[in-house]
């Protein structure tokens, strides 16, 4: 795959590439990135995940030149997941934001699929908020984390496909509030909030497992089960 991409890239540089040629080159990068991601899942080799991220970024650039915003969105989505695996939450959030922007472009470009891509835009924004929440939690900024989780829930509620995720993010927001009460040594408030969060998680977990059974996309299913 590495040799294939090198040959095709050199070929595209000898003349002005046409959109179809760029689309295929972008697909090769995307395909190679998927292979690297699978290798990383087996080896946990940091060099492999670094290369996977680089290849995803290259794919985004090629798809951008080809005028294919939906593909640009998809590879930013993949890059965001890779950054999340490395606990680089800020970079993951940025890539989810880029995916969201490109889905918005597609929604404007293809009116007949506006609802579909608008939902995808909101879904990407929600995951960006989730990454920001994890970063805030890491820094013990619990109120900020709570706000990001609430933002994620509010983005998902209007969607047709992912509204079932909202209660889970609400539970996370309550947990962050409990952490904040605990940090302030407000024992009674913290205990009540922790109990409320536990109840909310129990309710959300049932919903997540039920919805996961209906999801066909393996990445989406894995991300849903990860929350449960």
Protein backbone atom coordinates (compact mmCIF):
# COMPACT_ATOMS: atom_id res chain seq x y z
CA UNK A 1 0.00 0.00 0.00
CA UNK A 2 2.87 2.36 0.80
CA UNK A 3 4.43 1.73 -2.62
CA UNK A 4 1.05 2.04 -4.34
CA UNK A 5 0.45 5.47 -2.81
CA UNK A 6 3.98 6.66 -3.69
CA UNK A 7 3.56 5.61 -7.33
CA UNK A 8 0.07 7.14 -7.64
CA UNK A 9 1.13 10.37 -5.94
CA UNK A 10 4.08 10.79 -8.33
CA UNK A 11 1.78 10.07 -11.27
CA UNK A 12 -0.68 12.73 -10.15
CA UNK A 13 2.13 15.28 -9.91
CA UNK A 14 3.27 14.89 -13.52
CA UNK A 15 0.15 16.62 -14.86
CA UNK A 16 -2.88 18.48 -13.60
CA UNK A 17 -4.90 15.75 -11.86
CA UNK A 18 -8.59 15.42 -12.64
CA UNK A 19 -11.18 14.92 -9.86
CA UNK A 20 -11.61 11.20 -10.55
CA UNK A 21 -7.88 10.61 -10.22
CA UNK A 22 -7.78 12.52 -6.94
CA UNK A 23 -10.80 10.60 -5.66
CA UNK A 24 -9.02 7.28 -6.25
CA UNK A 25 -5.81 8.55 -4.65
CA UNK A 26 -7.80 9.72 -1.64
CA UNK A 27 -9.45 6.33 -1.41
CA UNK A 28 -6.02 4.61 -1.45
CA UNK A 29 -4.86 6.82 1.43
CA UNK A 30 -8.09 6.08 3.29
CA UNK A 31 -7.73 2.35 2.68
CA UNK A 32 -4.11 2.38 3.85
CA UNK A 33 -5.12 4.30 6.98
CA UNK A 34 -7.64 1.56 7.77
CA UNK A 35 -4.98 -1.12 7.40
CA UNK A 36 -2.65 0.77 9.73
CA UNK A 37 -5.45 1.19 12.26
CA UNK A 38 -6.01 -2.58 12.24
CA UNK A 39 -2.28 -3.22 12.67
CA UNK A 40 -2.19 -0.81 15.61
CA UNK A 41 -5.11 -2.61 17.27
CA UNK A 42 -2.94 -5.75 17.25
CA UNK A 43 0.52 -4.34 17.98
CA UNK A 44 -0.10 -1.09 19.93
CA UNK A 45 2.98 0.25 18.12
CA UNK A 46 3.04 4.05 18.47
CA UNK A 47 4.85 4.42 15.14
CA UNK A 48 1.93 2.71 13.42
CA UNK A 49 -0.74 4.96 14.92
CA UNK A 50 1.38 8.02 14.11
CA UNK A 51 1.52 6.90 10.49
CA UNK A 52 -2.22 6.16 10.49
CA UNK A 53 -2.95 9.72 11.62
CA UNK A 54 -0.61 11.15 8.98
CA UNK A 55 -2.24 9.05 6.26
CA UNK A 56 -5.71 10.19 7.37
CA UNK A 57 -4.59 13.81 7.15
CA UNK A 58 -3.18 13.19 3.67
CA UNK A 59 -6.46 11.59 2.63
CA UNK A 60 -8.35 14.66 3.86
CA UNK A 61 -6.12 16.95 1.78
CA UNK A 62 -6.57 14.86 -1.37
CA UNK A 63 -10.34 14.59 -0.93
CA UNK A 64 -10.44 18.36 -0.33
CA UNK A 65 -8.73 18.95 -3.69
CA UNK A 66 -11.18 16.55 -5.31
CA UNK A 67 -14.12 18.57 -3.92
CA UNK A 68 -15.51 15.69 -1.84
CA UNK A 69 -16.51 17.15 1.56
CA UNK A 70 -18.32 13.99 2.69
CA UNK A 71 -15.08 12.02 2.31
CA UNK A 72 -13.13 14.80 4.02
CA UNK A 73 -15.55 14.53 6.94
CA UNK A 74 -15.15 10.75 7.14
CA UNK A 75 -11.35 10.80 7.33
CA UNK A 76 -11.38 13.58 9.95
CA UNK A 77 -13.80 11.36 11.90
CA UNK A 78 -11.28 8.51 11.68
CA UNK A 79 -8.39 10.77 12.69
CA UNK A 80 -10.41 11.97 15.68
CA UNK A 81 -10.89 8.38 16.85
CA UNK A 82 -7.15 7.74 16.54
CA UNK A 83 -6.30 10.84 18.56
CA UNK A 84 -8.84 9.72 21.17
CA UNK A 85 -7.05 6.37 21.48
CA UNK A 86 -3.89 8.31 22.32
CA UNK A 87 -5.81 10.45 24.85
CA UNK A 88 -5.04 13.56 22.77
CA UNK A 89 -8.48 14.98 23.46
CA UNK A 90 -7.87 18.50 22.10
CA UNK A 91 -6.74 17.18 18.70
CA UNK A 92 -9.59 14.68 18.67
CA UNK A 93 -12.05 17.52 19.33
CA UNK A 94 -10.52 19.59 16.50
CA UNK A 95 -10.90 16.73 14.03
CA UNK A 96 -14.50 16.11 15.06
CA UNK A 97 -15.11 19.83 14.46
CA UNK A 98 -13.58 19.58 10.98
CA UNK A 99 -15.80 16.59 10.25
CA UNK A 100 -18.83 18.59 11.42
CA UNK A 101 -17.97 21.53 9.16
CA UNK A 102 -17.63 19.30 6.12
CA UNK A 103 -20.91 17.51 6.80
CA UNK A 104 -22.52 20.95 6.92
CA UNK A 105 -21.05 21.68 3.48
CA UNK A 106 -22.59 18.47 2.13
CA UNK A 107 -25.96 19.35 3.70
CA UNK A 108 -25.90 22.67 1.83
CA UNK A 109 -24.65 21.05 -1.39
CA UNK A 110 -27.27 18.26 -1.52
CA UNK A 111 -30.61 19.66 -0.24
CA UNK A 112 -32.45 16.34 -0.66
CA UNK A 113 -30.15 14.80 1.98
CA UNK A 114 -30.00 17.88 4.20
CA UNK A 115 -31.60 16.20 7.26
CA UNK A 116 -29.27 13.20 6.99
CA UNK A 117 -26.07 15.25 6.85
CA UNK A 118 -27.29 17.83 9.37
CA UNK A 119 -27.70 14.98 11.85
CA UNK A 120 -24.15 13.86 11.07
CA UNK A 121 -22.95 17.41 11.64
CA UNK A 122 -24.60 17.45 15.08
CA UNK A 123 -23.22 14.00 15.88
CA UNK A 124 -19.68 15.17 15.14
CA UNK A 125 -20.17 18.33 17.20
CA UNK A 126 -21.42 16.20 20.09
CA UNK A 127 -18.30 14.03 19.99
CA UNK A 128 -16.16 17.16 19.89
CA UNK A 129 -17.90 18.30 23.08
CA UNK A 130 -17.30 14.84 24.57
CA UNK A 131 -13.56 15.13 23.89
CA UNK A 132 -13.50 18.61 25.42
CA UNK A 133 -15.32 17.23 28.45
CA UNK A 134 -12.71 14.52 28.91
CA UNK A 135 -9.93 17.10 28.67
CA UNK A 136 -11.64 19.33 31.25
CA UNK A 137 -12.15 16.34 33.57
CA UNK A 138 -8.48 15.44 33.21
CA UNK A 139 -7.64 18.97 34.42
CA UNK A 140 -10.21 18.64 37.26
CA UNK A 141 -12.28 21.43 35.71
CA UNK A 142 -15.50 19.65 36.56
CA UNK A 143 -17.94 22.49 35.88
CA UNK A 144 -16.49 22.95 32.39
CA UNK A 145 -16.70 19.21 31.81
CA UNK A 146 -20.34 19.27 32.95
CA UNK A 147 -21.13 22.05 30.46
CA UNK A 148 -19.49 20.14 27.59
CA UNK A 149 -21.46 16.98 28.41
CA UNK A 150 -24.69 19.00 28.52
CA UNK A 151 -23.81 20.57 25.17
CA UNK A 152 -23.29 17.09 23.71
CA UNK A 153 -26.68 15.94 24.98
CA UNK A 154 -28.43 19.03 23.59
CA UNK A 155 -26.82 18.49 20.17
CA UNK A 156 -28.00 14.89 20.04
CA UNK A 157 -31.58 15.32 21.27
CA UNK A 158 -32.94 16.76 17.96
CA UNK A 159 -31.29 14.07 15.80
CA UNK A 160 -33.34 11.15 14.52
CA UNK A 161 -30.51 8.63 14.60
CA UNK A 162 -28.58 9.45 17.78
CA UNK A 163 -31.07 10.97 20.23
CA UNK A 164 -30.80 7.81 22.36
CA UNK A 165 -27.25 8.86 23.35
CA UNK A 166 -28.42 12.07 25.06
CA UNK A 167 -29.39 10.47 28.44
CA UNK A 168 -25.90 8.98 28.73
CA UNK A 169 -24.28 12.39 28.32
CA UNK A 170 -26.71 13.85 30.85
CA UNK A 171 -25.56 11.17 33.31
CA UNK A 172 -21.95 12.14 32.68
CA UNK A 173 -22.86 15.79 33.32
CA UNK A 174 -24.42 14.83 36.66
CA UNK A 175 -21.31 12.85 37.57
CA UNK A 176 -19.14 15.88 36.86
CA UNK A 177 -21.39 17.95 39.12
CA UNK A 178 -20.92 15.33 41.84
CA UNK A 179 -17.14 15.52 41.38
CA UNK A 180 -17.31 19.29 41.70
CA UNK A 181 -19.35 19.05 44.92
CA UNK A 182 -16.82 16.56 46.27
CA UNK A 183 -13.93 18.85 45.36
CA UNK A 184 -15.66 21.64 47.31
CA UNK A 185 -16.15 19.23 50.25
CA UNK A 186 -19.94 19.49 49.99
CA UNK A 187 -20.49 15.92 51.15
CA UNK A 188 -24.29 15.79 51.20
CA UNK A 189 -24.68 17.40 47.78
CA UNK A 190 -21.95 15.15 46.35
CA UNK A 191 -23.57 11.99 47.71
CA UNK A 192 -26.97 12.92 46.25
CA UNK A 193 -25.43 13.80 42.88
CA UNK A 194 -23.43 10.56 42.74
CA UNK A 195 -26.60 8.58 43.45
CA UNK A 196 -28.50 10.51 40.79
CA UNK A 197 -25.72 9.85 38.28
CA UNK A 198 -25.76 6.13 39.12
CA UNK A 199 -29.52 5.99 38.50
CA UNK A 200 -29.15 7.88 35.22
CA UNK A 201 -26.33 5.60 34.02
CA UNK A 202 -28.38 2.50 34.84
CA UNK A 203 -31.27 3.82 32.76
CA UNK A 204 -29.00 4.95 29.90
CA UNK A 205 -27.09 1.64 29.80
CA UNK A 206 -30.24 -0.33 29.04
CA UNK A 207 -31.08 2.04 26.19
CA UNK A 208 -27.53 1.90 24.78
CA UNK A 209 -27.45 -1.90 24.68
CA UNK A 210 -30.85 -2.06 23.02
CA UNK A 211 -29.84 0.45 20.35
CA UNK A 212 -26.45 -1.21 19.80
CA UNK A 213 -28.26 -4.36 18.64
CA UNK A 214 -29.78 -2.34 15.78
CA UNK A 215 -26.54 -0.67 14.63
CA UNK A 216 -24.91 -2.24 11.57
CA UNK A 217 -21.81 -0.02 11.31
CA UNK A 218 -19.08 -1.70 13.44
CA UNK A 219 -17.34 1.56 14.39
CA UNK A 220 -20.57 3.21 15.49
CA UNK A 221 -21.58 0.10 17.43
CA UNK A 222 -18.21 -0.03 19.20
CA UNK A 223 -18.45 3.66 20.11
CA UNK A 224 -21.97 3.17 21.48
CA UNK A 225 -20.97 0.17 23.60
CA UNK A 226 -17.91 2.08 24.82
CA UNK A 227 -20.26 4.56 26.48
CA UNK A 228 -22.25 1.87 28.29
